């Protein structure tokens, strides 16, 4: 299958207020830590220079899963690294068994902010509390797949969920922030001591 050219979403990653809890399983003697509002690797400050990435070819629509067209990853990730970026932020879930993306992150010296979108759970007739168990189970399963992934620096849980909240869930946005606390607890359970 031929890969078609498509447009990358070129913008800096903004993680403030979106990351529930960061997991830093780097293969380094010194772990990455959040200190004083900055990320640190050992004694060096780590500045995220990120690209928001979606490997959707022109003419196709993004879905809840990333396309597993390995030729797109093989083409795009080296180009992203060549821009000076050090981090890739994804929106869609990485399909089960997809290893090329992860291998190419390593090969190109890129780190990953893994998106976990809530779009499949949107229902403006129901509160997020009604969907909570389903959302948390799906997140636990997804995050559990990447427990030991050395290029993963964190999860971005939801994307602009609080914006136009009433079009996504019944109730109010503070219910989403309560859900984030439970997401953080799951990550701490999966990565004790981090």
N, C-alpha and C. Protein backbone atom coordinates (compact mmCIF):
# COMPACT_ATOMS: atom_id res chain seq x y z
N UNK A 1 0.85 -1.17 0.00
CA UNK A 1 0.00 0.00 0.00
C UNK A 1 0.89 1.24 0.00
N UNK A 2 0.60 2.15 -0.88
CA UNK A 2 1.37 3.38 -0.95
C UNK A 2 0.91 4.35 0.12
N UNK A 3 1.86 5.08 0.68
CA UNK A 3 1.51 6.12 1.65
C UNK A 3 1.30 7.43 0.89
N UNK A 4 0.27 8.13 1.26
CA UNK A 4 0.01 9.42 0.65
C UNK A 4 0.54 10.52 1.55
N UNK A 5 0.97 11.60 0.93
CA UNK A 5 1.47 12.76 1.68
C UNK A 5 0.31 13.34 2.48
N UNK A 6 0.58 13.82 3.65
CA UNK A 6 -0.44 14.47 4.45
C UNK A 6 0.21 15.59 5.25
N UNK A 7 -0.58 16.39 5.85
CA UNK A 7 -0.07 17.53 6.62
C UNK A 7 0.07 17.16 8.08
N UNK A 8 1.24 17.42 8.65
CA UNK A 8 1.43 17.26 10.08
C UNK A 8 0.83 18.46 10.80
N UNK A 9 0.34 18.23 11.97
CA UNK A 9 -0.15 19.34 12.79
C UNK A 9 1.06 19.92 13.50
N UNK A 10 1.61 21.00 12.98
CA UNK A 10 2.83 21.59 13.53
C UNK A 10 2.47 22.63 14.58
N UNK A 11 2.58 22.25 15.82
CA UNK A 11 2.39 23.20 16.90
C UNK A 11 3.08 22.66 18.14
N UNK A 12 3.40 23.54 19.03
CA UNK A 12 4.07 23.12 20.25
C UNK A 12 3.09 22.39 21.16
N UNK A 13 3.58 21.45 21.89
CA UNK A 13 2.76 20.72 22.83
C UNK A 13 2.57 21.56 24.08
N UNK A 14 1.34 21.69 24.50
CA UNK A 14 1.04 22.39 25.74
C UNK A 14 0.49 21.36 26.71
N UNK A 15 1.23 21.09 27.77
CA UNK A 15 0.79 20.07 28.70
C UNK A 15 0.21 20.64 29.98
N UNK A 16 0.35 21.92 30.20
CA UNK A 16 -0.13 22.52 31.44
C UNK A 16 -1.62 22.26 31.62
N UNK A 17 -1.97 21.66 32.74
CA UNK A 17 -3.36 21.40 33.04
C UNK A 17 -3.95 20.19 32.35
N UNK A 18 -3.20 19.51 31.51
CA UNK A 18 -3.75 18.37 30.78
C UNK A 18 -3.18 17.04 31.23
N UNK A 19 -2.00 17.04 31.79
CA UNK A 19 -1.38 15.79 32.18
C UNK A 19 -1.81 15.44 33.59
N UNK A 20 -2.44 14.29 33.74
CA UNK A 20 -2.95 13.87 35.03
C UNK A 20 -1.79 13.54 35.98
N UNK A 21 -0.82 12.82 35.50
CA UNK A 21 0.34 12.43 36.30
C UNK A 21 1.37 11.95 35.32
N UNK A 22 2.61 12.26 35.55
CA UNK A 22 3.65 11.89 34.61
C UNK A 22 4.37 10.64 35.07
N UNK A 23 4.60 9.76 34.14
CA UNK A 23 5.37 8.55 34.39
C UNK A 23 6.65 8.67 33.58
N UNK A 24 7.79 8.45 34.21
CA UNK A 24 9.06 8.66 33.54
C UNK A 24 9.94 7.42 33.57
N UNK A 25 9.62 6.39 32.81
CA UNK A 25 10.44 5.19 32.84
C UNK A 25 11.60 5.24 31.84
N UNK A 26 12.46 6.27 31.93
CA UNK A 26 13.58 6.40 31.02
C UNK A 26 14.68 5.40 31.37
N UNK A 27 15.40 4.92 30.37
CA UNK A 27 16.51 4.02 30.63
C UNK A 27 17.76 4.82 30.98
N UNK A 28 17.66 5.65 31.97
CA UNK A 28 18.78 6.50 32.37
C UNK A 28 19.08 6.23 33.84
N UNK A 29 20.34 6.46 34.23
CA UNK A 29 20.69 6.30 35.64
C UNK A 29 19.87 7.26 36.49
N UNK A 30 19.69 8.46 35.99
CA UNK A 30 18.89 9.45 36.71
C UNK A 30 17.52 9.55 36.06
N UNK A 31 16.48 9.29 36.82
CA UNK A 31 15.11 9.37 36.31
C UNK A 31 14.74 10.81 36.02
N UNK A 32 13.74 10.96 35.19
CA UNK A 32 13.19 12.28 34.92
C UNK A 32 12.29 12.65 36.09
N UNK A 33 12.33 13.90 36.47
CA UNK A 33 11.48 14.33 37.58
C UNK A 33 10.90 15.69 37.26
N UNK A 34 9.80 15.99 37.92
CA UNK A 34 9.16 17.29 37.82
C UNK A 34 9.54 18.05 39.08
N UNK A 35 10.24 19.16 38.88
CA UNK A 35 10.72 19.94 40.02
C UNK A 35 10.67 21.42 39.68
N UNK A 36 10.02 22.19 40.54
CA UNK A 36 9.96 23.64 40.32
C UNK A 36 9.29 24.01 39.02
N UNK A 37 8.32 23.21 38.60
CA UNK A 37 7.60 23.50 37.36
C UNK A 37 8.35 23.11 36.10
N UNK A 38 9.48 22.43 36.23
CA UNK A 38 10.26 22.00 35.07
C UNK A 38 10.52 20.51 35.11
N UNK A 39 10.73 19.93 33.94
CA UNK A 39 11.15 18.53 33.84
C UNK A 39 12.67 18.50 33.89
N UNK A 40 13.22 17.53 34.59
CA UNK A 40 14.66 17.38 34.72
C UNK A 40 15.06 15.95 34.41
N UNK A 41 16.18 15.77 33.70
CA UNK A 41 16.82 14.47 33.51
C UNK A 41 18.18 14.61 34.19
N UNK A 42 18.34 13.88 35.27
CA UNK A 42 19.58 14.05 36.04
C UNK A 42 19.67 15.49 36.51
N UNK A 43 20.76 16.14 36.17
CA UNK A 43 20.96 17.53 36.57
C UNK A 43 20.62 18.52 35.46
N UNK A 44 20.11 18.01 34.34
CA UNK A 44 19.79 18.89 33.22
C UNK A 44 18.29 19.06 33.06
N UNK A 45 17.90 20.29 32.83
CA UNK A 45 16.50 20.60 32.59
C UNK A 45 16.11 20.06 31.22
N UNK A 46 14.96 19.38 31.15
CA UNK A 46 14.47 18.84 29.89
C UNK A 46 13.37 19.76 29.38
N UNK A 47 13.63 20.41 28.28
CA UNK A 47 12.64 21.29 27.67
C UNK A 47 11.94 20.52 26.56
N UNK A 48 10.64 20.38 26.69
CA UNK A 48 9.87 19.69 25.67
C UNK A 48 9.80 20.58 24.44
N UNK A 49 10.33 20.08 23.34
CA UNK A 49 10.18 20.72 22.04
C UNK A 49 9.35 19.74 21.23
N UNK A 50 8.05 19.96 21.23
CA UNK A 50 7.15 18.93 20.74
C UNK A 50 6.42 19.25 19.46
N UNK A 51 6.03 18.18 18.84
CA UNK A 51 5.19 18.20 17.64
C UNK A 51 3.94 17.39 17.97
N UNK A 52 2.79 17.97 17.71
CA UNK A 52 1.53 17.22 17.82
C UNK A 52 1.41 16.39 16.53
N UNK A 53 1.29 15.09 16.69
CA UNK A 53 1.38 14.19 15.54
C UNK A 53 0.14 13.32 15.40
N UNK A 54 -0.35 13.28 14.18
CA UNK A 54 -1.44 12.38 13.82
C UNK A 54 -1.12 11.85 12.44
N UNK A 55 -0.98 10.57 12.32
CA UNK A 55 -0.57 9.98 11.04
C UNK A 55 -1.77 9.63 10.17
N UNK A 56 -2.57 10.63 9.90
CA UNK A 56 -3.76 10.44 9.07
C UNK A 56 -3.48 11.00 7.67
N UNK A 57 -3.52 10.17 6.66
CA UNK A 57 -3.26 10.65 5.30
C UNK A 57 -4.36 11.61 4.82
N UNK A 58 -4.00 12.45 3.88
CA UNK A 58 -4.95 13.38 3.29
C UNK A 58 -6.13 12.59 2.74
N UNK A 59 -7.32 13.11 3.00
CA UNK A 59 -8.53 12.48 2.50
C UNK A 59 -9.13 11.47 3.46
N UNK A 60 -8.43 11.17 4.54
CA UNK A 60 -8.96 10.24 5.54
C UNK A 60 -9.26 10.99 6.82
N UNK A 61 -10.10 10.41 7.64
CA UNK A 61 -10.46 11.02 8.93
C UNK A 61 -9.74 10.30 10.06
N UNK A 62 -9.36 11.09 11.05
CA UNK A 62 -8.74 10.51 12.24
C UNK A 62 -9.79 9.73 13.01
N UNK A 63 -9.37 8.67 13.62
CA UNK A 63 -10.26 7.86 14.46
C UNK A 63 -9.66 7.72 15.84
N UNK A 64 -10.26 6.90 16.67
CA UNK A 64 -9.74 6.74 18.04
C UNK A 64 -8.42 5.98 18.10
N UNK A 65 -8.07 5.23 17.02
CA UNK A 65 -6.81 4.51 16.95
C UNK A 65 -5.91 5.14 15.89
N UNK A 66 -4.61 5.20 16.19
CA UNK A 66 -3.66 5.67 15.19
C UNK A 66 -3.61 4.66 14.05
N UNK A 67 -3.37 5.14 12.86
CA UNK A 67 -3.17 4.25 11.73
C UNK A 67 -1.89 3.46 11.99
N UNK A 68 -1.88 2.20 11.63
CA UNK A 68 -0.67 1.41 11.84
C UNK A 68 0.12 1.28 10.54
N UNK A 69 0.03 2.29 9.71
CA UNK A 69 0.82 2.30 8.48
C UNK A 69 2.26 2.64 8.84
N UNK A 70 3.07 1.61 8.91
CA UNK A 70 4.44 1.80 9.37
C UNK A 70 5.25 2.70 8.44
N UNK A 71 4.87 2.76 7.17
CA UNK A 71 5.62 3.63 6.25
C UNK A 71 5.45 5.10 6.65
N UNK A 72 4.31 5.45 7.24
CA UNK A 72 4.13 6.84 7.69
C UNK A 72 5.03 7.14 8.88
N UNK A 73 5.11 6.21 9.83
CA UNK A 73 6.00 6.41 10.97
C UNK A 73 7.45 6.52 10.50
N UNK A 74 7.84 5.63 9.58
CA UNK A 74 9.21 5.60 9.09
C UNK A 74 9.57 6.87 8.33
N UNK A 75 8.59 7.47 7.69
CA UNK A 75 8.83 8.72 6.99
C UNK A 75 8.80 9.91 7.95
N UNK A 76 7.81 9.94 8.83
CA UNK A 76 7.54 11.14 9.62
C UNK A 76 8.45 11.33 10.82
N UNK A 77 8.72 10.28 11.58
CA UNK A 77 9.47 10.47 12.82
C UNK A 77 10.90 10.99 12.58
N UNK A 78 11.61 10.52 11.56
CA UNK A 78 12.91 11.15 11.28
C UNK A 78 12.78 12.63 10.89
N UNK A 79 11.73 12.97 10.16
CA UNK A 79 11.51 14.38 9.79
C UNK A 79 11.20 15.22 11.02
N UNK A 80 10.43 14.67 11.93
CA UNK A 80 10.12 15.38 13.17
C UNK A 80 11.39 15.62 13.97
N UNK A 81 12.22 14.60 14.10
CA UNK A 81 13.49 14.75 14.81
C UNK A 81 14.38 15.80 14.13
N UNK A 82 14.35 15.83 12.80
CA UNK A 82 15.18 16.79 12.05
C UNK A 82 14.75 18.24 12.29
N UNK A 83 13.52 18.46 12.75
CA UNK A 83 13.09 19.83 13.05
C UNK A 83 13.69 20.34 14.35
N UNK A 84 14.29 19.45 15.13
CA UNK A 84 14.79 19.81 16.45
C UNK A 84 13.85 19.44 17.57
N UNK A 85 12.72 18.84 17.21
CA UNK A 85 11.77 18.39 18.23
C UNK A 85 12.39 17.21 18.99
N UNK A 86 12.00 17.07 20.25
CA UNK A 86 12.46 15.93 21.04
C UNK A 86 11.29 15.11 21.58
N UNK A 87 10.06 15.57 21.30
CA UNK A 87 8.88 14.92 21.84
C UNK A 87 7.75 14.90 20.81
N UNK A 88 7.04 13.78 20.76
CA UNK A 88 5.89 13.63 19.89
C UNK A 88 4.67 13.47 20.79
N UNK A 89 3.66 14.29 20.53
CA UNK A 89 2.39 14.19 21.26
C UNK A 89 1.38 13.57 20.30
N UNK A 90 0.80 12.43 20.70
CA UNK A 90 -0.20 11.78 19.86
C UNK A 90 -1.58 12.02 20.45
N UNK A 91 -2.57 12.01 19.59
CA UNK A 91 -3.96 12.18 20.01
C UNK A 91 -4.69 10.85 20.10
N UNK A 92 -4.50 10.01 19.11
CA UNK A 92 -5.20 8.73 19.04
C UNK A 92 -4.41 7.66 19.79
N UNK A 93 -5.09 6.58 20.10
CA UNK A 93 -4.46 5.46 20.80
C UNK A 93 -3.59 4.66 19.84
N UNK A 94 -2.48 4.19 20.36
CA UNK A 94 -1.61 3.31 19.58
C UNK A 94 -2.26 1.92 19.55
N UNK A 95 -2.45 1.36 18.35
CA UNK A 95 -3.10 0.04 18.26
C UNK A 95 -2.33 -1.05 19.02
N UNK A 96 -3.06 -1.99 19.52
CA UNK A 96 -2.46 -3.15 20.21
C UNK A 96 -1.46 -3.82 19.27
N UNK A 97 -0.28 -4.12 19.77
CA UNK A 97 0.73 -4.82 18.99
C UNK A 97 1.57 -3.94 18.09
N UNK A 98 1.29 -2.65 18.01
CA UNK A 98 2.08 -1.75 17.16
C UNK A 98 3.43 -1.51 17.83
N UNK A 99 4.50 -1.93 17.18
CA UNK A 99 5.83 -1.75 17.76
C UNK A 99 6.71 -0.82 16.94
N UNK A 100 6.39 -0.63 15.67
CA UNK A 100 7.24 0.21 14.81
C UNK A 100 7.31 1.63 15.33
N UNK A 101 6.18 2.19 15.74
CA UNK A 101 6.16 3.55 16.27
C UNK A 101 7.11 3.67 17.46
N UNK A 102 7.04 2.73 18.38
CA UNK A 102 7.87 2.77 19.58
C UNK A 102 9.35 2.60 19.23
N UNK A 103 9.64 1.71 18.31
CA UNK A 103 11.03 1.49 17.89
C UNK A 103 11.60 2.74 17.22
N UNK A 104 10.77 3.40 16.41
CA UNK A 104 11.24 4.60 15.71
C UNK A 104 11.39 5.79 16.64
N UNK A 105 10.63 5.84 17.72
CA UNK A 105 10.88 6.87 18.73
C UNK A 105 12.30 6.73 19.25
N UNK A 106 12.67 5.50 19.63
CA UNK A 106 14.00 5.22 20.15
C UNK A 106 15.08 5.55 19.12
N UNK A 107 14.89 5.05 17.91
CA UNK A 107 15.87 5.26 16.84
C UNK A 107 16.12 6.74 16.56
N UNK A 108 15.08 7.54 16.67
CA UNK A 108 15.18 8.96 16.35
C UNK A 108 15.37 9.86 17.56
N UNK A 109 15.55 9.27 18.73
CA UNK A 109 15.79 10.05 19.93
C UNK A 109 14.60 10.89 20.37
N UNK A 110 13.41 10.41 20.10
CA UNK A 110 12.19 11.16 20.45
C UNK A 110 11.51 10.54 21.67
N UNK A 111 10.86 11.39 22.43
CA UNK A 111 10.05 10.94 23.56
C UNK A 111 8.59 11.09 23.19
N UNK A 112 7.72 10.52 24.02
CA UNK A 112 6.31 10.42 23.66
C UNK A 112 5.41 10.89 24.78
N UNK A 113 4.49 11.77 24.43
CA UNK A 113 3.36 12.14 25.28
C UNK A 113 2.15 11.46 24.66
N UNK A 114 1.65 10.44 25.32
CA UNK A 114 0.59 9.60 24.77
C UNK A 114 -0.78 10.18 25.09
N UNK A 115 -1.51 10.51 24.05
CA UNK A 115 -2.87 11.00 24.23
C UNK A 115 -3.83 9.87 24.54
N UNK A 116 -4.78 10.17 25.41
CA UNK A 116 -5.88 9.25 25.68
C UNK A 116 -7.16 10.07 25.55
N UNK A 117 -7.71 10.09 24.36
CA UNK A 117 -8.90 10.89 24.09
C UNK A 117 -10.15 10.31 24.71
N UNK A 118 -11.06 11.17 25.05
CA UNK A 118 -12.33 10.73 25.63
C UNK A 118 -13.48 10.77 24.62
N UNK A 119 -13.19 11.10 23.38
CA UNK A 119 -14.24 11.21 22.37
C UNK A 119 -15.14 9.98 22.28
N UNK A 120 -14.60 8.76 22.37
CA UNK A 120 -15.50 7.59 22.29
C UNK A 120 -16.51 7.52 23.44
N UNK A 121 -16.28 8.28 24.49
CA UNK A 121 -17.16 8.24 25.66
C UNK A 121 -18.12 9.42 25.72
N UNK A 122 -17.96 10.39 24.82
CA UNK A 122 -18.82 11.57 24.85
C UNK A 122 -20.29 11.19 24.71
N UNK A 123 -21.11 11.76 25.57
CA UNK A 123 -22.56 11.59 25.51
C UNK A 123 -23.17 12.73 26.32
N UNK A 124 -23.63 13.79 25.66
CA UNK A 124 -24.13 14.95 26.40
C UNK A 124 -25.39 14.68 27.21
N UNK A 125 -25.95 13.48 27.09
CA UNK A 125 -27.13 13.16 27.89
C UNK A 125 -26.75 12.48 29.20
N UNK A 126 -25.46 12.17 29.38
CA UNK A 126 -25.01 11.48 30.59
C UNK A 126 -23.85 12.21 31.24
N UNK A 127 -23.76 12.10 32.56
CA UNK A 127 -22.62 12.70 33.25
C UNK A 127 -21.40 11.82 33.05
N UNK A 128 -20.24 12.41 33.25
CA UNK A 128 -19.00 11.64 33.14
C UNK A 128 -18.94 10.58 34.23
N UNK A 129 -19.62 10.83 35.37
CA UNK A 129 -19.65 9.86 36.46
C UNK A 129 -20.30 8.55 36.02
N UNK A 130 -21.28 8.62 35.16
CA UNK A 130 -21.95 7.41 34.66
C UNK A 130 -20.98 6.58 33.81
N UNK A 131 -20.10 7.26 33.09
CA UNK A 131 -19.14 6.58 32.21
C UNK A 131 -17.81 6.29 32.91
N UNK A 132 -17.68 6.75 34.16
CA UNK A 132 -16.40 6.70 34.86
C UNK A 132 -15.76 5.32 34.87
N UNK A 133 -16.47 4.29 35.26
CA UNK A 133 -15.87 2.95 35.34
C UNK A 133 -15.37 2.48 33.99
N UNK A 134 -16.14 2.74 32.96
CA UNK A 134 -15.76 2.34 31.60
C UNK A 134 -14.50 3.10 31.16
N UNK A 135 -14.45 4.40 31.43
CA UNK A 135 -13.29 5.22 31.06
C UNK A 135 -12.05 4.75 31.82
N UNK A 136 -12.18 4.55 33.12
CA UNK A 136 -11.03 4.16 33.94
C UNK A 136 -10.51 2.77 33.54
N UNK A 137 -11.41 1.85 33.23
CA UNK A 137 -10.97 0.53 32.79
C UNK A 137 -10.20 0.62 31.47
N UNK A 138 -10.73 1.40 30.53
CA UNK A 138 -10.04 1.56 29.24
C UNK A 138 -8.68 2.21 29.44
N UNK A 139 -8.61 3.22 30.31
CA UNK A 139 -7.32 3.89 30.55
C UNK A 139 -6.34 2.95 31.24
N UNK A 140 -6.81 2.21 32.24
CA UNK A 140 -5.92 1.27 32.94
C UNK A 140 -5.33 0.26 31.95
N UNK A 141 -6.16 -0.27 31.07
CA UNK A 141 -5.67 -1.23 30.07
C UNK A 141 -4.65 -0.59 29.13
N UNK A 142 -4.93 0.63 28.69
CA UNK A 142 -4.01 1.31 27.76
C UNK A 142 -2.69 1.63 28.45
N UNK A 143 -2.76 2.26 29.60
CA UNK A 143 -1.53 2.63 30.31
C UNK A 143 -0.74 1.39 30.73
N UNK A 144 -1.43 0.33 31.06
CA UNK A 144 -0.75 -0.91 31.45
C UNK A 144 0.10 -1.49 30.34
N UNK A 145 -0.28 -1.25 29.11
CA UNK A 145 0.50 -1.74 27.96
C UNK A 145 1.86 -1.07 27.86
N UNK A 146 2.01 0.11 28.44
CA UNK A 146 3.24 0.90 28.25
C UNK A 146 4.01 1.12 29.55
N UNK A 147 3.78 0.27 30.54
CA UNK A 147 4.44 0.41 31.84
C UNK A 147 5.94 0.57 31.72
N UNK A 148 6.56 -0.21 30.89
CA UNK A 148 8.02 -0.20 30.80
C UNK A 148 8.53 0.47 29.53
N UNK A 149 7.71 1.28 28.90
CA UNK A 149 8.11 1.95 27.65
C UNK A 149 9.09 3.07 27.98
N UNK A 150 10.34 2.95 27.56
CA UNK A 150 11.36 3.94 27.94
C UNK A 150 11.19 5.31 27.29
N UNK A 151 10.44 5.43 26.22
CA UNK A 151 10.31 6.72 25.54
C UNK A 151 9.07 7.49 25.99
N UNK A 152 8.25 6.87 26.81
CA UNK A 152 7.02 7.51 27.28
C UNK A 152 7.32 8.43 28.46
N UNK A 153 6.95 9.71 28.34
CA UNK A 153 7.15 10.62 29.46
C UNK A 153 5.86 11.01 30.14
N UNK A 154 4.72 10.70 29.56
CA UNK A 154 3.47 11.02 30.23
C UNK A 154 2.27 10.77 29.35
N UNK A 155 1.10 10.96 29.95
CA UNK A 155 -0.17 10.80 29.27
C UNK A 155 -0.90 12.13 29.24
N UNK A 156 -1.56 12.40 28.16
CA UNK A 156 -2.45 13.55 28.07
C UNK A 156 -3.85 12.96 28.03
N UNK A 157 -4.55 13.12 29.13
CA UNK A 157 -5.85 12.47 29.33
C UNK A 157 -6.94 13.44 28.92
N UNK A 158 -7.61 13.11 27.83
CA UNK A 158 -8.63 14.02 27.31
C UNK A 158 -7.97 15.13 26.51
N UNK A 159 -8.74 15.75 25.66
CA UNK A 159 -8.23 16.86 24.86
C UNK A 159 -9.29 17.96 24.87
N UNK A 160 -8.97 19.03 25.57
CA UNK A 160 -9.89 20.17 25.67
C UNK A 160 -11.27 19.73 26.15
N UNK A 161 -11.30 18.85 27.14
CA UNK A 161 -12.56 18.32 27.64
C UNK A 161 -13.40 19.41 28.29
N UNK A 162 -12.78 20.31 29.04
CA UNK A 162 -13.54 21.34 29.75
C UNK A 162 -14.17 22.36 28.79
N UNK A 163 -13.57 22.53 27.61
CA UNK A 163 -14.12 23.47 26.63
C UNK A 163 -15.41 22.89 26.06
N UNK A 164 -16.48 23.67 26.10
CA UNK A 164 -17.79 23.22 25.62
C UNK A 164 -18.20 21.89 26.26
N UNK A 165 -17.95 21.80 27.55
CA UNK A 165 -18.20 20.57 28.30
C UNK A 165 -19.61 20.04 28.09
N UNK A 166 -20.57 20.95 28.06
CA UNK A 166 -21.98 20.54 27.93
C UNK A 166 -22.27 19.83 26.61
N UNK A 167 -21.40 19.97 25.62
CA UNK A 167 -21.59 19.25 24.36
C UNK A 167 -20.99 17.84 24.41
N UNK A 168 -20.27 17.57 25.49
CA UNK A 168 -19.58 16.28 25.63
C UNK A 168 -20.21 15.40 26.70
N UNK A 169 -20.50 16.01 27.83
CA UNK A 169 -21.09 15.29 28.96
C UNK A 169 -22.12 16.20 29.63
N UNK A 170 -23.10 15.58 30.29
CA UNK A 170 -24.02 16.34 31.14
C UNK A 170 -23.25 16.68 32.42
N UNK A 171 -23.74 17.60 33.19
CA UNK A 171 -23.07 17.98 34.43
C UNK A 171 -22.11 19.13 34.17
N UNK A 172 -21.08 19.21 35.01
CA UNK A 172 -20.14 20.33 34.90
C UNK A 172 -18.69 19.84 34.85
N UNK A 173 -17.81 20.70 34.35
CA UNK A 173 -16.40 20.35 34.15
C UNK A 173 -15.69 19.87 35.42
N UNK A 174 -16.04 20.37 36.62
CA UNK A 174 -15.35 19.84 37.80
C UNK A 174 -15.42 18.31 37.94
N UNK A 175 -16.45 17.70 37.36
CA UNK A 175 -16.53 16.24 37.38
C UNK A 175 -15.37 15.61 36.61
N UNK A 176 -14.94 16.28 35.54
CA UNK A 176 -13.78 15.80 34.78
C UNK A 176 -12.53 15.86 35.65
N UNK A 177 -12.35 16.94 36.39
CA UNK A 177 -11.16 17.09 37.23
C UNK A 177 -11.15 16.06 38.36
N UNK A 178 -12.31 15.67 38.83
CA UNK A 178 -12.39 14.59 39.82
C UNK A 178 -11.93 13.27 39.19
N UNK A 179 -12.33 13.06 37.94
CA UNK A 179 -11.91 11.86 37.22
C UNK A 179 -10.39 11.84 37.06
N UNK A 180 -9.77 12.99 36.84
CA UNK A 180 -8.32 13.06 36.70
C UNK A 180 -7.61 12.54 37.95
N UNK A 181 -8.17 12.82 39.11
CA UNK A 181 -7.57 12.32 40.35
C UNK A 181 -7.55 10.79 40.35
N UNK A 182 -8.61 10.19 39.85
CA UNK A 182 -8.65 8.72 39.80
C UNK A 182 -7.69 8.17 38.75
N UNK A 183 -7.51 8.91 37.66
CA UNK A 183 -6.53 8.53 36.64
C UNK A 183 -5.13 8.56 37.25
N UNK A 184 -4.84 9.60 38.01
CA UNK A 184 -3.53 9.71 38.67
C UNK A 184 -3.30 8.53 39.60
N UNK A 185 -4.34 8.11 40.32
CA UNK A 185 -4.22 6.98 41.23
C UNK A 185 -3.90 5.69 40.46
N UNK A 186 -4.50 5.53 39.30
CA UNK A 186 -4.21 4.35 38.47
C UNK A 186 -2.75 4.34 38.06
N UNK A 187 -2.24 5.48 37.62
CA UNK A 187 -0.85 5.54 37.19
C UNK A 187 0.11 5.29 38.35
N UNK A 188 -0.22 5.80 39.51
CA UNK A 188 0.63 5.54 40.68
C UNK A 188 0.61 4.06 41.06
N UNK A 189 -0.54 3.43 40.85
CA UNK A 189 -0.65 1.99 41.11
C UNK A 189 0.17 1.19 40.10
N UNK A 190 0.13 1.60 38.83
CA UNK A 190 0.87 0.90 37.78
C UNK A 190 2.38 1.12 37.90
N UNK A 191 2.77 2.28 38.39
CA UNK A 191 4.19 2.64 38.50
C UNK A 191 4.51 3.04 39.93
N UNK A 192 4.42 2.12 40.89
CA UNK A 192 4.68 2.49 42.28
C UNK A 192 6.10 3.02 42.44
N UNK A 193 6.23 4.02 43.27
CA UNK A 193 7.55 4.59 43.54
C UNK A 193 7.96 5.65 42.55
N UNK A 194 7.19 5.88 41.50
CA UNK A 194 7.54 6.91 40.52
C UNK A 194 7.05 8.25 41.00
